[in-house]
Amino acid sequence: MFKKFMCVFMASLMILGLSGCTWNDPETVANDGIFRVSMVPDTGGVNDQSFNQSALEGLYELRDETGAHISYMESKQPSDYALNLDKLSDGPSDLIIGVGSMLFDAIDEVAAQNLDKNFAIVDYSFGDDITNNLTGIVFRAQEAAFMVGYVAGMTTKTNKVGFIGGMRNDVIDQFQYGYEAGIRYAEKERHANIEVLVQYAESFSDAAKGKAIAAKMYSDNCDIVFHAAGGVGYGVIEAAKDSHKFVIGVDKDQSDLAPDNVLTSAVKSVGTAVKLVSKELMDGKVIGGKNYEFGLNEGCVGIPENHKNMDELVYKKALQLEELIKSGKITVPYNVETYKNYLRDLN
């Protein structure tokens, strides 16, 4: 049975193309009526158990639900982004997706040279300066971060928690300040003073550095650490296991990586968003020249139902906060300026 599974698994990888697309002759496929979507993840790769993997899983679902053909090309280094996007644009893809804001320059360049192709980028909004073959996909990740921040603030025994970011950018700001806002909400509810340690790894792939930073935070009396750092998070989770402390995952429900240590996760369903945008194009709708934003109301961020390490009452209160955010009664900050405004209003 195992050998049969491995044969099927390897065959699937060959179909998807780990190093490139496996489309047939372009003249043949152009008229076969099959929708084709391709993806270029950032350097974290499709097995990051986080951001990129979520996007790929969304394409798997698209394939299974609609019969679409999917493919992806991985990048070992940032200089590969433009090369991979250019290769995909030479094929018959109906939609080419770049996963991560770090691909912006490359996708902007390649899209300008291939105006007959549809390109989308995750975690980047073009604002009003957008051409008809570009689509931005962004998230209100701060909404999920607020919920896990509240959980951390209500759960901590030491009143000292941590946040580890990958690299500073607008997206990671959403996670940091949403998290801190949720902690402050819990702090006020508990009439407690909670210290938040914040450090950046300056990487989204250096797991060893993530482990070292987290280990130091745990030794400094943090009993919960939230990471928003892609592959760096592997190390953070390992440090939580070694220290017998709690960690909060990101992008996906990461409880399977450490069932006894993952308190919850700030889920950001890149896969759901990618699938929704792809289906719009499949249905003949125009997606070019638009920026899509997804949050709690769209079912694309939140916390997982799995909460075995969390107090049941805290989980229920977090879900109540979700409804307040959805209704607009709580406006979650997403950067330092909105965080300052939030604190002023909270106090």
C-alpha atoms as a PDB file:
ATOM      1  CA  MET A   1       0.000   0.000   0.000  1.00  0.00           C
ATOM      2  CA  PHE A   2       2.837   2.388   0.910  1.00  0.00           C
ATOM      3  CA  LYS A   3       4.634   1.686  -2.389  1.00  0.00           C
ATOM      4  CA  LYS A   4       1.406   2.324  -4.285  1.00  0.00           C
ATOM      5  CA  PHE A   5       0.914   5.595  -2.414  1.00  0.00           C
ATOM      6  CA  MET A   6       4.449   6.739  -3.175  1.00  0.00           C
ATOM      7  CA  CYS A   7       4.028   5.935  -6.847  1.00  0.00           C
ATOM      8  CA  VAL A   8       0.858   7.999  -7.014  1.00  0.00           C
ATOM      9  CA  PHE A   9       2.471  10.802  -5.001  1.00  0.00           C
ATOM     10  CA  MET A  10       5.530  10.969  -7.243  1.00  0.00           C
ATOM     11  CA  ALA A  11       3.360  10.854 -10.328  1.00  0.00           C
ATOM     12  CA  SER A  12       1.366  13.801  -8.948  1.00  0.00           C
ATOM     13  CA  LEU A  13       4.548  15.770  -8.421  1.00  0.00           C
ATOM     14  CA  MET A  14       5.581  15.060 -11.990  1.00  0.00           C
ATOM     15  CA  ILE A  15       2.217  16.265 -13.249  1.00  0.00           C
ATOM     16  CA  LEU A  16       2.455  19.463 -11.227  1.00  0.00           C
ATOM     17  CA  GLY A  17       6.049  20.032 -12.271  1.00  0.00           C
ATOM     18  CA  LEU A  18       8.456  20.763  -9.428  1.00  0.00           C
ATOM     19  CA  SER A  19      10.868  22.609 -11.664  1.00  0.00           C
ATOM     20  CA  GLY A  20       8.585  23.760 -14.459  1.00  0.00           C
ATOM     21  CA  CYS A  21       5.334  23.361 -16.315  1.00  0.00           C
ATOM     22  CA  THR A  22       4.327  20.225 -18.142  1.00  0.00           C
ATOM     23  CA  TRP A  23       1.860  21.717 -20.606  1.00  0.00           C
ATOM     24  CA  ASN A  24       1.421  20.086 -23.999  1.00  0.00           C
ATOM     25  CA  ASP A  25       1.938  21.902 -27.288  1.00  0.00           C
ATOM     26  CA  PRO A  26       0.475  25.440 -26.963  1.00  0.00           C
ATOM     27  CA  GLU A  27      -1.382  25.219 -30.272  1.00  0.00           C
ATOM     28  CA  THR A  28      -3.165  22.083 -29.085  1.00  0.00           C
ATOM     29  CA  VAL A  29      -4.079  23.278 -25.609  1.00  0.00           C
ATOM     30  CA  ALA A  30      -5.237  26.710 -26.741  1.00  0.00           C
ATOM     31  CA  ASN A  31      -8.569  25.323 -27.897  1.00  0.00           C
ATOM     32  CA  ASP A  32      -9.183  22.467 -25.465  1.00  0.00           C
ATOM     33  CA  GLY A  33     -11.350  24.558 -23.114  1.00  0.00           C
ATOM     34  CA  ILE A  34      -9.321  23.662 -20.011  1.00  0.00           C
ATOM     35  CA  PHE A  35      -8.537  26.447 -17.559  1.00  0.00           C
ATOM     36  CA  ARG A  36      -4.862  26.620 -16.608  1.00  0.00           C
ATOM     37  CA  VAL A  37      -3.379  28.431 -13.649  1.00  0.00           C
ATOM     38  CA  SER A  38       0.291  28.626 -12.674  1.00  0.00           C
ATOM     39  CA  MET A  39       1.991  29.769  -9.499  1.00  0.00           C
ATOM     40  CA  VAL A  40       5.399  31.039  -8.449  1.00  0.00           C
ATOM     41  CA  PRO A  41       5.884  30.926  -4.650  1.00  0.00           C
ATOM     42  CA  ASP A  42       8.478  32.985  -2.834  1.00  0.00           C
ATOM     43  CA  THR A  43      11.761  31.424  -1.732  1.00  0.00           C
ATOM     44  CA  GLY A  44      10.089  29.714   1.236  1.00  0.00           C
ATOM     45  CA  GLY A  45       8.886  27.061  -1.213  1.00  0.00           C
ATOM     46  CA  VAL A  46       5.627  25.145  -1.426  1.00  0.00           C
ATOM     47  CA  ASN A  47       6.440  22.942   1.569  1.00  0.00           C
ATOM     48  CA  ASP A  48       6.733  25.777   4.099  1.00  0.00           C
ATOM     49  CA  GLN A  49       3.726  24.481   6.096  1.00  0.00           C
ATOM     50  CA  SER A  50       2.493  28.044   5.904  1.00  0.00           C
ATOM     51  CA  PHE A  51       1.899  30.770   3.327  1.00  0.00           C
ATOM     52  CA  ASN A  52       3.011  29.120   0.084  1.00  0.00           C
ATOM     53  CA  GLN A  53       1.646  25.707   0.961  1.00  0.00           C
ATOM     54  CA  SER A  54      -1.759  27.238   1.660  1.00  0.00           C
ATOM     55  CA  ALA A  55      -1.746  28.784  -1.822  1.00  0.00           C
ATOM     56  CA  LEU A  56      -0.877  25.464  -3.446  1.00  0.00           C
ATOM     57  CA  GLU A  57      -3.582  23.664  -1.483  1.00  0.00           C
ATOM     58  CA  GLY A  58      -6.080  26.183  -2.828  1.00  0.00           C
ATOM     59  CA  LEU A  59      -5.009  25.293  -6.354  1.00  0.00           C
ATOM     60  CA  TYR A  60      -5.355  21.586  -5.550  1.00  0.00           C
ATOM     61  CA  GLU A  61      -8.932  22.295  -4.466  1.00  0.00           C
ATOM     62  CA  LEU A  62      -9.532  24.282  -7.648  1.00  0.00           C
ATOM     63  CA  ARG A  63      -8.267  21.343  -9.710  1.00  0.00           C
ATOM     64  CA  ASP A  64     -10.390  18.814  -7.836  1.00  0.00           C
ATOM     65  CA  GLU A  65     -13.544  20.928  -7.980  1.00  0.00           C
ATOM     66  CA  THR A  66     -13.329  22.208 -11.545  1.00  0.00           C
ATOM     67  CA  GLY A  67     -10.885  20.065 -13.507  1.00  0.00           C
ATOM     68  CA  ALA A  68      -8.506  22.994 -13.959  1.00  0.00           C
ATOM     69  CA  HIS A  69      -4.883  22.230 -14.747  1.00  0.00           C
ATOM     70  CA  ILE A  70      -2.362  23.644 -12.290  1.00  0.00           C
ATOM     71  CA  SER A  71       1.395  24.005 -12.233  1.00  0.00           C
ATOM     72  CA  TYR A  72       4.056  25.844 -10.275  1.00  0.00           C
ATOM     73  CA  MET A  73       7.722  26.764 -10.467  1.00  0.00           C
ATOM     74  CA  GLU A  74       9.800  27.137  -7.315  1.00  0.00           C
ATOM     75  CA  SER A  75      12.462  29.799  -6.829  1.00  0.00           C
ATOM     76  CA  LYS A  76      15.704  29.104  -5.015  1.00  0.00           C
ATOM     77  CA  GLN A  77      16.587  32.791  -4.876  1.00  0.00           C
ATOM     78  CA  PRO A  78      14.808  36.106  -5.591  1.00  0.00           C
ATOM     79  CA  SER A  79      16.557  36.448  -8.942  1.00  0.00           C
ATOM     80  CA  ASP A  80      14.561  33.389 -10.090  1.00  0.00           C
ATOM     81  CA  TYR A  81      11.209  35.156  -9.760  1.00  0.00           C
ATOM     82  CA  ALA A  82      11.294  37.023 -13.060  1.00  0.00           C
ATOM     83  CA  LEU A  83      12.802  34.036 -14.899  1.00  0.00           C
ATOM     84  CA  ASN A  84      10.056  31.701 -13.692  1.00  0.00           C
ATOM     85  CA  LEU A  85       7.271  34.169 -14.380  1.00  0.00           C
ATOM     86  CA  ASP A  86       8.660  34.753 -17.855  1.00  0.00           C
ATOM     87  CA  LYS A  87       8.781  31.015 -18.571  1.00  0.00           C
ATOM     88  CA  LEU A  88       5.180  30.613 -17.438  1.00  0.00           C
ATOM     89  CA  SER A  89       4.062  33.541 -19.584  1.00  0.00           C
ATOM     90  CA  ASP A  90       5.402  31.695 -22.640  1.00  0.00           C
ATOM     91  CA  GLY A  91       2.980  28.846 -21.944  1.00  0.00           C
ATOM     92  CA  PRO A  92      -0.811  28.633 -22.168  1.00  0.00           C
ATOM     93  CA  SER A  93      -1.613  29.668 -18.588  1.00  0.00           C
ATOM     94  CA  ASP A  94      -4.856  31.616 -18.211  1.00  0.00           C
ATOM     95  CA  LEU A  95      -3.675  33.018 -14.891  1.00  0.00           C
ATOM     96  CA  ILE A  96      -0.193  33.331 -13.390  1.00  0.00           C
ATOM     97  CA  ILE A  97      -0.001  33.954  -9.642  1.00  0.00           C
ATOM     98  CA  GLY A  98       2.971  35.270  -7.691  1.00  0.00           C
ATOM     99  CA  VAL A  99       2.777  34.376  -3.998  1.00  0.00           C
ATOM    100  CA  GLY A 100       4.167  37.098  -1.776  1.00  0.00           C
ATOM    101  CA  SER A 101       4.857  40.808  -2.007  1.00  0.00           C
ATOM    102  CA  MET A 102       8.542  40.096  -2.652  1.00  0.00           C
ATOM    103  CA  LEU A 103       7.549  39.106  -6.194  1.00  0.00           C
ATOM    104  CA  PHE A 104       6.125  42.543  -6.982  1.00  0.00           C
ATOM    105  CA  ASP A 105       9.016  43.921  -9.045  1.00  0.00           C
ATOM    106  CA  ALA A 106       9.286  40.718 -11.070  1.00  0.00           C
ATOM    107  CA  ILE A 107       5.565  40.384 -11.723  1.00  0.00           C
ATOM    108  CA  ASP A 108       5.252  44.063 -12.623  1.00  0.00           C
ATOM    109  CA  GLU A 109       8.058  43.700 -15.151  1.00  0.00           C
ATOM    110  CA  VAL A 110       6.849  40.461 -16.749  1.00  0.00           C
ATOM    111  CA  ALA A 111       3.200  41.570 -16.845  1.00  0.00           C
ATOM    112  CA  ALA A 112       4.185  44.740 -18.706  1.00  0.00           C
ATOM    113  CA  GLN A 113       5.817  42.573 -21.374  1.00  0.00           C
ATOM    114  CA  ASN A 114       2.859  40.182 -21.653  1.00  0.00           C
ATOM    115  CA  LEU A 115      -0.295  42.281 -21.767  1.00  0.00           C
ATOM    116  CA  ASP A 116      -2.300  39.332 -23.140  1.00  0.00           C
ATOM    117  CA  LYS A 117      -1.752  37.331 -19.931  1.00  0.00           C
ATOM    118  CA  ASN A 118      -3.513  37.643 -16.566  1.00  0.00           C
ATOM    119  CA  PHE A 119      -1.205  38.045 -13.562  1.00  0.00           C
ATOM    120  CA  ALA A 120      -2.140  38.145  -9.873  1.00  0.00           C
ATOM    121  CA  ILE A 121       0.005  38.741  -6.812  1.00  0.00           C
ATOM    122  CA  VAL A 122      -0.738  37.741  -3.241  1.00  0.00           C
ATOM    123  CA  ASP A 123      -0.122  40.257  -0.454  1.00  0.00           C
ATOM    124  CA  TYR A 124       0.161  43.302  -2.675  1.00  0.00           C
ATOM    125  CA  SER A 125      -2.366  45.975  -3.596  1.00  0.00           C
ATOM    126  CA  PHE A 126      -1.686  48.105  -6.649  1.00  0.00           C
ATOM    127  CA  GLY A 127      -4.068  50.839  -5.533  1.00  0.00           C
ATOM    128  CA  ASP A 128      -5.322  52.910  -8.443  1.00  0.00           C
ATOM    129  CA  ASP A 129      -2.091  52.456 -10.390  1.00  0.00           C
ATOM    130  CA  ILE A 130      -2.978  49.114 -11.928  1.00  0.00           C
ATOM    131  CA  THR A 131      -3.063  47.820 -15.481  1.00  0.00           C
ATOM    132  CA  ASN A 132      -5.809  45.637 -16.945  1.00  0.00           C
ATOM    133  CA  ASN A 133      -3.791  42.418 -16.727  1.00  0.00           C
ATOM    134  CA  LEU A 134      -2.819  42.755 -13.055  1.00  0.00           C
ATOM    135  CA  THR A 135      -4.774  41.693  -9.955  1.00  0.00           C
ATOM    136  CA  GLY A 136      -3.880  42.384  -6.339  1.00  0.00           C
ATOM    137  CA  ILE A 137      -4.886  39.975  -3.550  1.00  0.00           C
ATOM    138  CA  VAL A 138      -4.575  41.259   0.013  1.00  0.00           C
ATOM    139  CA  PHE A 139      -5.856  40.248   3.428  1.00  0.00           C
ATOM    140  CA  ARG A 140      -6.970  41.837   6.662  1.00  0.00           C
ATOM    141  CA  ALA A 141      -4.587  39.533   8.525  1.00  0.00           C
ATOM    142  CA  GLN A 142      -4.724  41.888  11.504  1.00  0.00           C
ATOM    143  CA  GLU A 143      -8.205  40.537  12.265  1.00  0.00           C
ATOM    144  CA  ALA A 144      -6.904  37.006  12.890  1.00  0.00           C
ATOM    145  CA  ALA A 145      -3.869  38.413  14.709  1.00  0.00           C
ATOM    146  CA  PHE A 146      -6.157  40.331  17.061  1.00  0.00           C
ATOM    147  CA  MET A 147      -7.973  37.132  17.944  1.00  0.00           C
ATOM    148  CA  VAL A 148      -4.774  35.210  18.738  1.00  0.00           C
ATOM    149  CA  GLY A 149      -3.445  38.212  20.651  1.00  0.00           C
ATOM    150  CA  TYR A 150      -6.551  38.147  22.805  1.00  0.00           C
ATOM    151  CA  VAL A 151      -6.082  34.410  23.359  1.00  0.00           C
ATOM    152  CA  ALA A 152      -2.442  34.966  24.335  1.00  0.00           C
ATOM    153  CA  GLY A 153      -3.363  37.792  26.694  1.00  0.00           C
ATOM    154  CA  MET A 154      -6.026  35.700  28.396  1.00  0.00           C
ATOM    155  CA  THR A 155      -3.826  32.585  28.598  1.00  0.00           C
ATOM    156  CA  THR A 156      -0.404  33.845  29.705  1.00  0.00           C
ATOM    157  CA  LYS A 157       0.591  32.958  33.269  1.00  0.00           C
ATOM    158  CA  THR A 158       3.776  35.007  33.314  1.00  0.00           C
ATOM    159  CA  ASN A 159       2.211  38.123  31.738  1.00  0.00           C
ATOM    160  CA  LYS A 160       5.075  38.150  29.269  1.00  0.00           C
ATOM    161  CA  VAL A 161       4.648  37.066  25.643  1.00  0.00           C
ATOM    162  CA  GLY A 162       6.596  37.364  22.408  1.00  0.00           C
ATOM    163  CA  PHE A 163       6.234  38.142  18.719  1.00  0.00           C
ATOM    164  CA  ILE A 164       8.730  37.037  16.065  1.00  0.00           C
ATOM    165  CA  GLY A 165       8.414  38.510  12.589  1.00  0.00           C
ATOM    166  CA  GLY A 166      10.219  37.491   9.426  1.00  0.00           C
ATOM    167  CA  MET A 167      11.083  40.828   7.821  1.00  0.00           C
ATOM    168  CA  ARG A 168       9.458  44.182   8.389  1.00  0.00           C
ATOM    169  CA  ASN A 169       6.876  45.021   5.758  1.00  0.00           C
ATOM    170  CA  ASP A 170       3.242  46.100   5.576  1.00  0.00           C
ATOM    171  CA  VAL A 171       1.981  42.513   5.787  1.00  0.00           C
ATOM    172  CA  ILE A 172       3.964  41.571   8.903  1.00  0.00           C
ATOM    173  CA  ASP A 173       2.912  44.888  10.446  1.00  0.00           C
ATOM    174  CA  GLN A 174      -0.663  43.617  10.223  1.00  0.00           C
ATOM    175  CA  PHE A 175       0.260  40.566  12.289  1.00  0.00           C
ATOM    176  CA  GLN A 176       2.353  42.437  14.862  1.00  0.00           C
ATOM    177  CA  TYR A 177      -0.007  45.302  15.589  1.00  0.00           C
ATOM    178  CA  GLY A 178      -3.153  43.201  15.348  1.00  0.00           C
ATOM    179  CA  TYR A 179      -1.568  40.804  17.870  1.00  0.00           C
ATOM    180  CA  GLU A 180      -0.538  43.569  20.232  1.00  0.00           C
ATOM    181  CA  ALA A 181      -4.007  45.142  19.986  1.00  0.00           C
ATOM    182  CA  GLY A 182      -5.632  41.841  20.975  1.00  0.00           C
ATOM    183  CA  ILE A 183      -3.266  41.553  23.935  1.00  0.00           C
ATOM    184  CA  ARG A 184      -4.168  45.060  25.084  1.00  0.00           C
ATOM    185  CA  TYR A 185      -7.863  44.190  24.846  1.00  0.00           C
ATOM    186  CA  ALA A 186      -7.278  41.141  27.071  1.00  0.00           C
ATOM    187  CA  GLU A 187      -5.028  43.158  29.354  1.00  0.00           C
ATOM    188  CA  LYS A 188      -7.842  45.624  30.016  1.00  0.00           C
ATOM    189  CA  GLU A 189     -10.322  42.795  30.578  1.00  0.00           C
ATOM    190  CA  ARG A 190      -7.982  41.097  33.059  1.00  0.00           C
ATOM    191  CA  HIS A 191      -6.773  44.321  34.704  1.00  0.00           C
ATOM    192  CA  ALA A 192      -3.228  43.079  34.113  1.00  0.00           C
ATOM    193  CA  ASN A 193       0.013  44.447  32.694  1.00  0.00           C
ATOM    194  CA  ILE A 194       1.355  42.250  29.895  1.00  0.00           C
ATOM    195  CA  GLU A 195       4.811  42.764  28.404  1.00  0.00           C
ATOM    196  CA  VAL A 196       5.307  42.005  24.707  1.00  0.00           C
ATOM    197  CA  LEU A 197       8.799  41.237  23.368  1.00  0.00           C
ATOM    198  CA  VAL A 198       9.167  41.859  19.623  1.00  0.00           C
ATOM    199  CA  GLN A 199      12.049  40.721  17.416  1.00  0.00           C
ATOM    200  CA  TYR A 200      12.546  40.225  13.684  1.00  0.00           C
ATOM    201  CA  ALA A 201      14.592  37.427  12.114  1.00  0.00           C
ATOM    202  CA  GLU A 202      15.297  39.373   8.887  1.00  0.00           C
ATOM    203  CA  SER A 203      14.454  36.168   7.048  1.00  0.00           C
ATOM    204  CA  PHE A 204      11.503  34.006   6.085  1.00  0.00           C
ATOM    205  CA  SER A 205      13.524  30.806   5.802  1.00  0.00           C
ATOM    206  CA  ASP A 206      16.185  30.694   8.549  1.00  0.00           C
ATOM    207  CA  ALA A 207      14.634  28.186  10.987  1.00  0.00           C
ATOM    208  CA  ALA A 208      17.788  28.073  13.114  1.00  0.00           C
ATOM    209  CA  LYS A 209      17.586  31.798  13.749  1.00  0.00           C
ATOM    210  CA  GLY A 210      13.902  31.497  14.600  1.00  0.00           C
ATOM    211  CA  LYS A 211      14.685  28.803  17.130  1.00  0.00           C
ATOM    212  CA  ALA A 212      17.443  30.869  18.728  1.00  0.00           C
ATOM    213  CA  ILE A 213      15.254  33.980  19.051  1.00  0.00           C
ATOM    214  CA  ALA A 214      12.349  32.007  20.485  1.00  0.00           C
ATOM    215  CA  ALA A 215      14.560  30.073  22.909  1.00  0.00           C
ATOM    216  CA  LYS A 216      15.847  33.394  24.286  1.00  0.00           C
ATOM    217  CA  MET A 217      12.282  34.706  24.668  1.00  0.00           C
ATOM    218  CA  TYR A 218      11.211  31.573  26.514  1.00  0.00           C
ATOM    219  CA  SER A 219      14.236  31.748  28.787  1.00  0.00           C
ATOM    220  CA  ASP A 220      13.326  35.386  29.477  1.00  0.00           C
ATOM    221  CA  ASN A 221      10.005  34.199  30.932  1.00  0.00           C
ATOM    222  CA  CYS A 222       7.742  34.453  27.893  1.00  0.00           C
ATOM    223  CA  ASP A 223       5.297  31.576  28.029  1.00  0.00           C
ATOM    224  CA  ILE A 224       3.669  32.248  24.624  1.00  0.00           C
ATOM    225  CA  VAL A 225       5.340  33.321  21.347  1.00  0.00           C
ATOM    226  CA  PHE A 226       3.510  34.189  18.132  1.00  0.00           C
ATOM    227  CA  HIS A 227       5.469  33.904  14.899  1.00  0.00           C
ATOM    228  CA  ALA A 228       4.660  35.489  11.545  1.00  0.00           C
ATOM    229  CA  ALA A 229       7.803  34.430   9.767  1.00  0.00           C
ATOM    230  CA  GLY A 230       7.191  31.681   7.226  1.00  0.00           C
ATOM    231  CA  GLY A 231       9.865  28.977   7.388  1.00  0.00           C
ATOM    232  CA  VAL A 232      11.518  30.722  10.346  1.00  0.00           C
ATOM    233  CA  GLY A 233       8.491  29.518  12.279  1.00  0.00           C
ATOM    234  CA  TYR A 234       9.721  25.914  12.124  1.00  0.00           C
ATOM    235  CA  GLY A 235      12.464  26.905  14.538  1.00  0.00           C
ATOM    236  CA  VAL A 236      10.083  28.845  16.767  1.00  0.00           C
ATOM    237  CA  ILE A 237       7.849  25.795  17.075  1.00  0.00           C
ATOM    238  CA  GLU A 238      10.842  23.580  17.873  1.00  0.00           C
ATOM    239  CA  ALA A 239      11.902  25.987  20.602  1.00  0.00           C
ATOM    240  CA  ALA A 240       8.396  25.841  22.082  1.00  0.00           C
ATOM    241  CA  LYS A 241       8.604  22.061  22.199  1.00  0.00           C
ATOM    242  CA  ASP A 242      12.050  22.141  23.820  1.00  0.00           C
ATOM    243  CA  SER A 243      10.902  24.703  26.394  1.00  0.00           C
ATOM    244  CA  HIS A 244       7.512  23.077  27.014  1.00  0.00           C
ATOM    245  CA  LYS A 245       5.852  26.421  26.299  1.00  0.00           C
ATOM    246  CA  PHE A 246       3.139  27.629  23.944  1.00  0.00           C
ATOM    247  CA  VAL A 247       3.554  28.905  20.391  1.00  0.00           C
ATOM    248  CA  ILE A 248       0.969  30.499  18.092  1.00  0.00           C
ATOM    249  CA  GLY A 249       1.137  29.429  14.469  1.00  0.00           C
ATOM    250  CA  VAL A 250       0.445  31.455  11.350  1.00  0.00           C
ATOM    251  CA  ASP A 251      -1.267  31.162   7.946  1.00  0.00           C
ATOM    252  CA  LYS A 252      -2.364  27.537   8.498  1.00  0.00           C
ATOM    253  CA  ASP A 253      -3.514  25.600  11.532  1.00  0.00           C
ATOM    254  CA  GLN A 254      -0.022  24.502  12.594  1.00  0.00           C
ATOM    255  CA  SER A 255      -1.128  22.327  15.518  1.00  0.00           C
ATOM    256  CA  ASP A 256      -0.035  19.186  13.684  1.00  0.00           C
ATOM    257  CA  LEU A 257       3.589  20.364  13.998  1.00  0.00           C
ATOM    258  CA  ALA A 258       3.425  20.372  17.809  1.00  0.00           C
ATOM    259  CA  PRO A 259       0.031  19.182  19.105  1.00  0.00           C
ATOM    260  CA  ASP A 260       0.903  19.901  22.757  1.00  0.00           C
ATOM    261  CA  ASN A 261       2.516  23.283  22.180  1.00  0.00           C
ATOM    262  CA  VAL A 262       0.503  25.128  19.515  1.00  0.00           C
ATOM    263  CA  LEU A 263      -2.010  27.212  21.433  1.00  0.00           C
ATOM    264  CA  THR A 264      -3.819  28.363  18.283  1.00  0.00           C
ATOM    265  CA  SER A 265      -2.952  29.825  14.877  1.00  0.00           C
ATOM    266  CA  ALA A 266      -3.686  33.063  13.036  1.00  0.00           C
ATOM    267  CA  VAL A 267      -5.087  31.433   9.934  1.00  0.00           C
ATOM    268  CA  LYS A 268      -4.720  33.347   6.701  1.00  0.00           C
ATOM    269  CA  SER A 269      -6.245  31.195   4.006  1.00  0.00           C
ATOM    270  CA  VAL A 270      -4.246  32.209   0.969  1.00  0.00           C
ATOM    271  CA  GLY A 271      -5.547  29.077  -0.745  1.00  0.00           C
ATOM    272  CA  THR A 272      -9.184  30.105  -0.355  1.00  0.00           C
ATOM    273  CA  ALA A 273      -8.470  33.556  -1.792  1.00  0.00           C
ATOM    274  CA  VAL A 274      -6.454  32.180  -4.706  1.00  0.00           C
ATOM    275  CA  LYS A 275      -9.234  29.721  -5.494  1.00  0.00           C
ATOM    276  CA  LEU A 276     -11.939  32.419  -5.349  1.00  0.00           C
ATOM    277  CA  VAL A 277     -10.063  34.767  -7.692  1.00  0.00           C
ATOM    278  CA  SER A 278      -9.246  31.926 -10.099  1.00  0.00           C
ATOM    279  CA  LYS A 279     -12.902  30.873 -10.201  1.00  0.00           C
ATOM    280  CA  GLU A 280     -13.936  34.432 -11.033  1.00  0.00           C
ATOM    281  CA  LEU A 281     -11.736  34.333 -14.118  1.00  0.00           C
ATOM    282  CA  MET A 282     -12.929  30.827 -15.000  1.00  0.00           C
ATOM    283  CA  ASP A 283     -16.516  32.078 -14.875  1.00  0.00           C
ATOM    284  CA  GLY A 284     -15.719  34.744 -17.429  1.00  0.00           C
ATOM    285  CA  LYS A 285     -15.544  37.644 -14.994  1.00  0.00           C
ATOM    286  CA  VAL A 286     -12.963  40.390 -15.329  1.00  0.00           C
ATOM    287  CA  ILE A 287     -10.365  40.249 -12.555  1.00  0.00           C
ATOM    288  CA  GLY A 288      -7.732  42.455 -14.207  1.00  0.00           C
ATOM    289  CA  GLY A 289      -7.348  45.994 -12.932  1.00  0.00           C
ATOM    290  CA  LYS A 290      -8.780  45.035  -9.531  1.00  0.00           C
ATOM    291  CA  ASN A 291      -7.550  44.619  -5.980  1.00  0.00           C
ATOM    292  CA  TYR A 292      -9.311  41.988  -3.862  1.00  0.00           C
ATOM    293  CA  GLU A 293      -9.328  42.195  -0.063  1.00  0.00           C
ATOM    294  CA  PHE A 294     -10.211  39.216   2.132  1.00  0.00           C
ATOM    295  CA  GLY A 295     -10.812  39.020   5.874  1.00  0.00           C
ATOM    296  CA  LEU A 296     -13.142  37.540   8.473  1.00  0.00           C
ATOM    297  CA  ASN A 297     -16.282  38.432   6.540  1.00  0.00           C
ATOM    298  CA  GLU A 298     -14.999  36.569   3.493  1.00  0.00           C
ATOM    299  CA  GLY A 299     -13.965  33.517   5.523  1.00  0.00           C
ATOM    300  CA  CYS A 300     -10.298  33.950   4.673  1.00  0.00           C
ATOM    301  CA  VAL A 301      -8.796  34.701   8.098  1.00  0.00           C
ATOM    302  CA  GLY A 302      -9.547  33.569  11.646  1.00  0.00           C
ATOM    303  CA  ILE A 303      -8.583  30.929  14.187  1.00  0.00           C
ATOM    304  CA  PRO A 304      -9.034  27.158  13.795  1.00  0.00           C
ATOM    305  CA  GLU A 305     -11.729  25.167  15.549  1.00  0.00           C
ATOM    306  CA  ASN A 306      -9.041  22.960  17.092  1.00  0.00           C
ATOM    307  CA  HIS A 307      -8.389  24.488  20.517  1.00  0.00           C
ATOM    308  CA  LYS A 308      -7.487  21.605  22.813  1.00  0.00           C
ATOM    309  CA  ASN A 309      -4.735  23.646  24.508  1.00  0.00           C
ATOM    310  CA  MET A 310      -7.020  26.619  25.104  1.00  0.00           C
ATOM    311  CA  ASP A 311      -9.513  27.272  27.870  1.00  0.00           C
ATOM    312  CA  GLU A 312     -13.019  26.763  26.454  1.00  0.00           C
ATOM    313  CA  LEU A 313     -14.264  30.088  27.802  1.00  0.00           C
ATOM    314  CA  VAL A 314     -11.362  31.949  26.179  1.00  0.00           C
ATOM    315  CA  TYR A 315     -12.137  30.280  22.851  1.00  0.00           C
ATOM    316  CA  LYS A 316     -15.805  31.303  23.076  1.00  0.00           C
ATOM    317  CA  LYS A 317     -14.870  34.886  23.949  1.00  0.00           C
ATOM    318  CA  ALA A 318     -12.493  34.990  20.979  1.00  0.00           C
ATOM    319  CA  LEU A 319     -15.372  33.971  18.712  1.00  0.00           C
ATOM    320  CA  GLN A 320     -17.489  36.746  20.228  1.00  0.00           C
ATOM    321  CA  LEU A 321     -14.734  39.208  19.344  1.00  0.00           C
ATOM    322  CA  GLU A 322     -14.793  37.820  15.807  1.00  0.00           C
ATOM    323  CA  GLU A 323     -18.428  38.917  15.503  1.00  0.00           C
ATOM    324  CA  LEU A 324     -17.600  42.376  16.858  1.00  0.00           C
ATOM    325  CA  ILE A 325     -14.857  42.740  14.252  1.00  0.00           C
ATOM    326  CA  LYS A 326     -17.154  41.548  11.470  1.00  0.00           C
ATOM    327  CA  SER A 327     -19.799  44.080  12.469  1.00  0.00           C
ATOM    328  CA  GLY A 328     -17.286  46.929  12.609  1.00  0.00           C
ATOM    329  CA  LYS A 329     -17.669  47.482  16.351  1.00  0.00           C
ATOM    330  CA  ILE A 330     -13.962  46.724  16.736  1.00  0.00           C
ATOM    331  CA  THR A 331     -11.594  48.237  14.194  1.00  0.00           C
ATOM    332  CA  VAL A 332      -8.318  46.351  14.307  1.00  0.00           C
ATOM    333  CA  PRO A 333      -5.086  48.314  13.710  1.00  0.00           C
ATOM    334  CA  TYR A 334      -2.693  47.240  10.970  1.00  0.00           C
ATOM    335  CA  ASN A 335       0.330  49.501  11.441  1.00  0.00           C
ATOM    336  CA  VAL A 336       1.965  51.682  14.080  1.00  0.00           C
ATOM    337  CA  GLU A 337      -0.186  54.745  13.344  1.00  0.00           C
ATOM    338  CA  THR A 338      -3.510  52.896  13.548  1.00  0.00           C
ATOM    339  CA  TYR A 339      -2.235  51.057  16.639  1.00  0.00           C
ATOM    340  CA  LYS A 340      -1.646  54.375  18.418  1.00  0.00           C
ATOM    341  CA  ASN A 341      -5.187  55.442  17.535  1.00  0.00           C
ATOM    342  CA  TYR A 342      -6.525  52.116  18.779  1.00  0.00           C
ATOM    343  CA  LEU A 343      -4.775  52.506  22.144  1.00  0.00           C
ATOM    344  CA  ARG A 344      -6.125  56.041  22.515  1.00  0.00           C
ATOM    345  CA  ASP A 345      -9.679  54.856  21.891  1.00  0.00           C
ATOM    346  CA  LEU A 346      -9.270  51.776  24.097  1.00  0.00           C
ATOM    347  CA  ASN A 347      -8.107  53.871  27.021  1.00  0.00           C
END
